[in-house]
Amino acid sequence: MYCRTCGTEINEPNNYCPKCGTRTVKIATMSPLFKNPGHAAVMSTILPGFGQIYNGQIAKGIALIVAVIASVVLSIAVRSPERLVFMPVYFMFWTYGITDAYKSAEKINLKLE
C-alpha cells in the first residue's frame, strides 16, 4: 500500500503515512457509494456538470450545464467586441466543473471510511 499524497510505502497495520502523516483510507471500490474521481473529471471535461451529476449532485450539475450553455449562446449571439467577454466565462465554468467534480468525488469517498 502506498500513500496517496507522497507515494511512500505504508505497512498494512499503520493508519498514517510515516513520512507525511496522511491518514490511509481503505475504501471498498465495489461499493455503490464509491465515486471514481477520474471518471467524474473526465465526464466534466466532456460537458461541465456531468461529473457533478455522476457524484449525485444533481442540482449543481444542472446549474453548471445551464451556465455553460448560456455562456456559449451569449458568446455566439452577442456582437463582436462584447463576444470576447463570454468565452473566458465558458472556460472558467469548464475548469471549475472539472476540478469540483474531482474534489467532490474524493470528499464522498472519504466519508465512506
Protein backbone atom coordinates (compact mmCIF):
# COMPACT_ATOMS: atom_id res chain seq x y z
CA MET A 1 0.00 0.00 0.00
CA TYR A 2 1.27 3.47 -0.88
CA CYS A 3 0.43 6.93 0.46
CA ARG A 4 -1.90 8.80 -1.89
CA THR A 5 -0.20 12.10 -1.02
CA CYS A 6 3.55 11.45 -1.12
CA GLY A 7 3.83 7.90 -2.55
CA THR A 8 5.69 6.40 0.42
CA GLU A 9 5.14 2.68 1.01
CA ILE A 10 2.96 2.04 4.06
CA ASN A 11 2.79 -1.18 6.05
CA GLU A 12 -0.75 -2.54 6.35
CA PRO A 13 -1.24 -2.11 10.14
CA ASN A 14 -0.37 1.61 10.05
CA ASN A 15 -3.20 4.09 9.78
CA TYR A 16 -0.93 7.01 8.92
CA CYS A 17 1.89 7.61 6.44
CA PRO A 18 5.23 7.62 8.30
CA LYS A 19 6.61 10.36 6.03
CA CYS A 20 3.82 12.96 5.65
CA GLY A 21 1.24 11.84 8.24
CA THR A 22 -1.65 11.42 5.79
CA ARG A 23 -4.31 9.03 7.06
CA THR A 24 -4.65 5.94 4.93
CA VAL A 25 -8.06 5.24 3.53
CA LYS A 26 -9.38 1.81 2.65
CA ILE A 27 -12.47 2.11 0.50
CA ALA A 28 -14.38 -0.78 -0.94
CA THR A 29 -14.27 0.25 -4.58
CA MET A 30 -17.10 -2.14 -5.31
CA SER A 31 -19.40 -0.14 -3.02
CA PRO A 32 -22.22 1.58 -4.92
CA LEU A 33 -21.40 4.76 -2.99
CA PHE A 34 -17.79 4.84 -4.26
CA LYS A 35 -17.18 7.59 -6.83
CA ASN A 36 -14.13 7.44 -9.08
CA PRO A 37 -12.59 10.96 -9.13
CA GLY A 38 -11.03 10.31 -12.55
CA HIS A 39 -14.36 9.34 -14.07
CA ALA A 40 -16.01 12.42 -12.58
CA ALA A 41 -13.27 14.68 -14.00
CA VAL A 42 -13.47 13.11 -17.47
CA MET A 43 -17.25 13.42 -17.51
CA SER A 44 -16.96 17.12 -16.63
CA THR A 45 -14.30 17.53 -19.32
CA ILE A 46 -16.83 16.34 -21.89
CA LEU A 47 -19.57 18.62 -20.54
CA PRO A 48 -19.24 20.59 -17.31
CA GLY A 49 -21.93 19.36 -14.93
CA PHE A 50 -21.88 15.68 -15.94
CA GLY A 51 -19.26 14.92 -13.27
CA GLN A 52 -21.42 16.55 -10.62
CA ILE A 53 -24.44 14.52 -11.74
CA TYR A 54 -22.26 11.36 -11.57
CA ASN A 55 -21.36 12.33 -8.00
CA GLY A 56 -25.04 12.67 -7.09
CA GLN A 57 -25.04 16.48 -7.03
CA ILE A 58 -27.93 16.80 -9.47
CA ALA A 59 -28.87 20.45 -8.82
CA LYS A 60 -25.26 21.63 -9.03
CA GLY A 61 -24.74 19.65 -12.24
CA ILE A 62 -27.85 21.05 -13.93
CA ALA A 63 -26.95 24.60 -12.87
CA LEU A 64 -23.46 24.18 -14.31
CA ILE A 65 -24.83 22.79 -17.58
CA VAL A 66 -27.25 25.73 -17.89
CA ALA A 67 -24.46 28.22 -17.13
CA VAL A 68 -22.17 26.68 -19.74
CA ILE A 69 -24.88 26.61 -22.39
CA ALA A 70 -25.80 30.23 -21.60
CA SER A 71 -22.19 31.38 -21.90
CA VAL A 72 -21.79 29.62 -25.26
CA VAL A 73 -25.07 31.01 -26.61
CA LEU A 74 -24.18 34.53 -25.46
CA SER A 75 -20.72 34.29 -26.99
CA ILE A 76 -22.33 33.41 -30.33
CA ALA A 77 -25.33 35.78 -30.20
CA VAL A 78 -23.65 38.94 -28.94
CA ARG A 79 -21.93 41.41 -31.27
CA SER A 80 -18.24 41.02 -31.96
CA PRO A 81 -16.47 43.19 -29.30
CA GLU A 82 -18.61 42.00 -26.40
CA ARG A 83 -18.33 38.38 -27.54
CA LEU A 84 -14.84 38.20 -26.11
CA VAL A 85 -16.23 38.53 -22.60
CA PHE A 86 -18.26 35.32 -22.68
CA MET A 87 -15.66 32.86 -23.98
CA PRO A 88 -13.43 33.24 -20.88
CA VAL A 89 -16.56 32.73 -18.78
CA TYR A 90 -17.13 29.42 -20.54
CA PHE A 91 -13.57 28.31 -19.79
CA MET A 92 -13.95 29.35 -16.14
CA PHE A 93 -17.07 27.17 -15.83
CA TRP A 94 -15.28 24.34 -17.66
CA THR A 95 -12.23 24.33 -15.37
CA TYR A 96 -14.43 24.75 -12.29
CA GLY A 97 -16.57 21.79 -13.36
CA ILE A 98 -13.56 19.51 -13.78
CA THR A 99 -11.85 20.39 -10.51
CA ASP A 100 -15.06 20.44 -8.49
CA ALA A 101 -16.16 17.04 -9.81
CA TYR A 102 -12.79 15.51 -8.91
CA LYS A 103 -12.62 17.04 -5.43
CA SER A 104 -16.27 16.24 -4.68
CA ALA A 105 -15.71 12.58 -5.59
CA GLU A 106 -12.73 12.47 -3.25
CA LYS A 107 -14.80 14.00 -0.42
CA ILE A 108 -17.58 11.49 -1.00
CA ASN A 109 -15.06 8.64 -0.80
CA LEU A 110 -13.52 9.99 2.42
CA LYS A 111 -16.94 9.78 4.06
CA LEU A 112 -17.01 6.05 3.26
CA GLU A 113 -14.09 5.18 5.53
